[in-house]
Structure formats: structure tokens, C-alpha cells
Amino acid sequence: MGTRELSWLDAALRPMSGLGLTEQQQHDFVLTLLGHVRITAQFADSPDQTGVTWATTMTKQVTRSPNDYPALAATAQAGAFEPHERQRFDFGLTCLLDGLQQQTCSSGVRRHR
């Protein structure tokens, strides 16, 4: 991890100091958020070196053996692997931020607007 990445992580932690979370909780949240951003970018519907998208690959693998992966097969059949990165990202971000809000509200910390 270089100095730029450390600076980015430090900048992400700074606004969290007044939320009533421990430093460990703040760090955990920032890493979870970072993981969401990175995994969404990694599985964006852009083709790999062979021109095949992640959605296509997953759908083929899962539908070949639906009895081995029944939950994934149902998910694929419902179209969940189809491209909708922005919707996927927004949903995950909303869940993370709602959870952060719930956690900070339950700790009795109120933010002034």
C-alpha cells in the first residue's frame, strides 16, 4: 500500500470521527465500503480478454449444473446477472449507509445538519 492509498484511506476515515463509532468500527466500515466499490467495478459488465462478460460466464456455469447451485440458478433465471451495475452499486451502497445510520443512531449520536 503506497502513500496515495494511505492518504485516500485517511481521508475516508476523517469524517467518521464524530459518528460515535470506535476506531475499529470506523475502519471496518471504510474497508467494507471499499470492498463494495472494488467488487462492483471488478464484476462490471465489461468483456474479458476473450470478449466474454462476467454475466455470460456465470450464467453458463450455473445453468450447466442447476442442481449443484440451486440458489444461483434461480438468481440467474431471474436475470440478476444481467448488466445493471449502477442499480447494483446503488442498492449495496444504500444498504451499507442505512446500516451505518442504524448503528450510529443506536449509539445515541446525533448529527447536526
Protein backbone atom coordinates (compact mmCIF):
# COMPACT_ATOMS: atom_id res chain seq x y z
CA MET A 1 0.00 0.00 0.00
CA GLY A 2 1.54 3.28 -1.09
CA THR A 3 1.28 6.79 0.29
CA ARG A 4 -1.55 7.76 -2.07
CA GLU A 5 -3.67 4.83 -0.98
CA LEU A 6 -2.91 5.61 2.66
CA SER A 7 -3.95 9.22 2.09
CA TRP A 8 -7.19 8.07 0.47
CA LEU A 9 -7.95 5.76 3.40
CA ASP A 10 -7.13 8.53 5.88
CA ALA A 11 -9.46 10.91 4.03
CA ALA A 12 -12.27 8.32 4.17
CA LEU A 13 -11.82 7.88 7.93
CA ARG A 14 -11.75 11.58 8.87
CA PRO A 15 -15.48 12.38 8.51
CA MET A 16 -16.39 9.30 10.54
CA SER A 17 -14.80 10.55 13.76
CA GLY A 18 -17.97 12.28 15.02
CA LEU A 19 -20.32 9.34 14.48
CA GLY A 20 -19.86 7.69 17.85
CA LEU A 21 -18.17 4.60 16.45
CA THR A 22 -14.93 3.13 17.74
CA GLU A 23 -11.88 3.49 15.56
CA GLN A 24 -12.14 -0.23 14.78
CA GLN A 25 -15.77 0.18 13.64
CA GLN A 26 -14.85 3.19 11.52
CA HIS A 27 -12.01 1.25 9.88
CA ASP A 28 -14.24 -1.80 9.35
CA PHE A 29 -16.92 0.32 7.69
CA VAL A 30 -14.46 2.05 5.37
CA LEU A 31 -12.93 -1.30 4.34
CA THR A 32 -16.41 -2.75 3.73
CA LEU A 33 -17.32 0.25 1.61
CA LEU A 34 -14.06 -0.05 -0.30
CA GLY A 35 -14.77 -3.75 -0.88
CA HIS A 36 -18.21 -2.91 -2.28
CA VAL A 37 -16.75 -0.36 -4.68
CA ARG A 38 -13.97 -2.66 -5.85
CA ILE A 39 -16.10 -5.76 -6.33
CA THR A 40 -18.75 -3.81 -8.23
CA ALA A 41 -16.05 -2.45 -10.53
CA GLN A 42 -14.46 -5.88 -10.91
CA PHE A 43 -17.70 -7.51 -12.00
CA ALA A 44 -18.87 -4.67 -14.19
CA ASP A 45 -20.29 -5.95 -17.43
CA SER A 46 -17.18 -5.38 -19.46
CA PRO A 47 -15.76 -8.19 -21.53
CA ASP A 48 -12.60 -10.02 -20.53
CA GLN A 49 -9.68 -10.66 -22.89
CA THR A 50 -11.76 -13.18 -24.86
CA GLY A 51 -14.75 -10.84 -25.24
CA VAL A 52 -16.92 -12.72 -22.73
CA THR A 53 -18.71 -10.86 -19.94
CA TRP A 54 -18.90 -11.95 -16.31
CA ALA A 55 -22.69 -12.28 -16.58
CA THR A 56 -22.39 -14.62 -19.56
CA THR A 57 -19.76 -16.75 -17.86
CA MET A 58 -21.72 -17.03 -14.61
CA THR A 59 -24.98 -17.83 -16.35
CA LYS A 60 -23.35 -20.63 -18.39
CA GLN A 61 -21.62 -22.15 -15.39
CA VAL A 62 -24.68 -22.08 -13.16
CA THR A 63 -27.21 -23.29 -15.72
CA ARG A 64 -24.97 -26.24 -16.64
CA SER A 65 -25.43 -27.66 -13.13
CA PRO A 66 -28.58 -26.10 -11.64
CA ASN A 67 -28.93 -28.90 -9.06
CA ASP A 68 -25.45 -28.13 -7.72
CA TYR A 69 -26.21 -24.42 -7.36
CA PRO A 70 -29.98 -24.10 -6.87
CA ALA A 71 -29.94 -20.60 -5.36
CA LEU A 72 -27.57 -19.29 -8.04
CA ALA A 73 -29.62 -21.00 -10.76
CA ALA A 74 -32.78 -19.27 -9.54
CA THR A 75 -30.88 -15.98 -9.37
CA ALA A 76 -29.58 -16.40 -12.92
CA GLN A 77 -33.01 -17.40 -14.21
CA ALA A 78 -34.46 -14.23 -12.65
CA GLY A 79 -31.96 -12.15 -14.65
CA ALA A 80 -29.91 -10.97 -11.69
CA PHE A 81 -26.65 -11.48 -13.59
CA GLU A 82 -27.73 -9.17 -16.38
CA PRO A 83 -25.96 -5.80 -16.62
CA HIS A 84 -27.25 -3.24 -14.16
CA GLU A 85 -24.09 -2.10 -12.38
CA ARG A 86 -25.44 1.28 -11.34
CA GLN A 87 -28.54 -0.25 -9.76
CA ARG A 88 -26.41 -2.96 -8.13
CA PHE A 89 -23.96 -0.40 -6.78
CA ASP A 90 -26.69 1.93 -5.51
CA PHE A 91 -28.54 -0.89 -3.75
CA GLY A 92 -25.42 -2.09 -1.98
CA LEU A 93 -24.39 1.44 -1.05
CA THR A 94 -27.85 2.18 0.34
CA CYS A 95 -27.70 -0.98 2.48
CA LEU A 96 -24.27 -0.02 3.81
CA LEU A 97 -25.26 3.56 4.59
CA ASP A 98 -28.58 2.54 6.14
CA GLY A 99 -26.68 0.13 8.36
CA LEU A 100 -24.22 2.85 9.33
CA GLN A 101 -27.11 5.18 10.15
CA GLN A 102 -28.79 2.50 12.26
CA GLN A 103 -25.56 1.82 14.10
CA THR A 104 -24.86 5.49 14.82
CA CYS A 105 -28.47 6.23 15.84
CA SER A 106 -28.49 3.30 18.25
CA SER A 107 -25.34 4.65 19.87
CA GLY A 108 -27.16 7.90 20.70
CA VAL A 109 -25.04 10.15 18.47
CA ARG A 110 -27.00 12.88 16.70
CA ARG A 111 -25.58 14.78 13.77
CA HIS A 112 -26.39 18.42 13.32
CA ARG A 113 -27.34 19.48 9.83
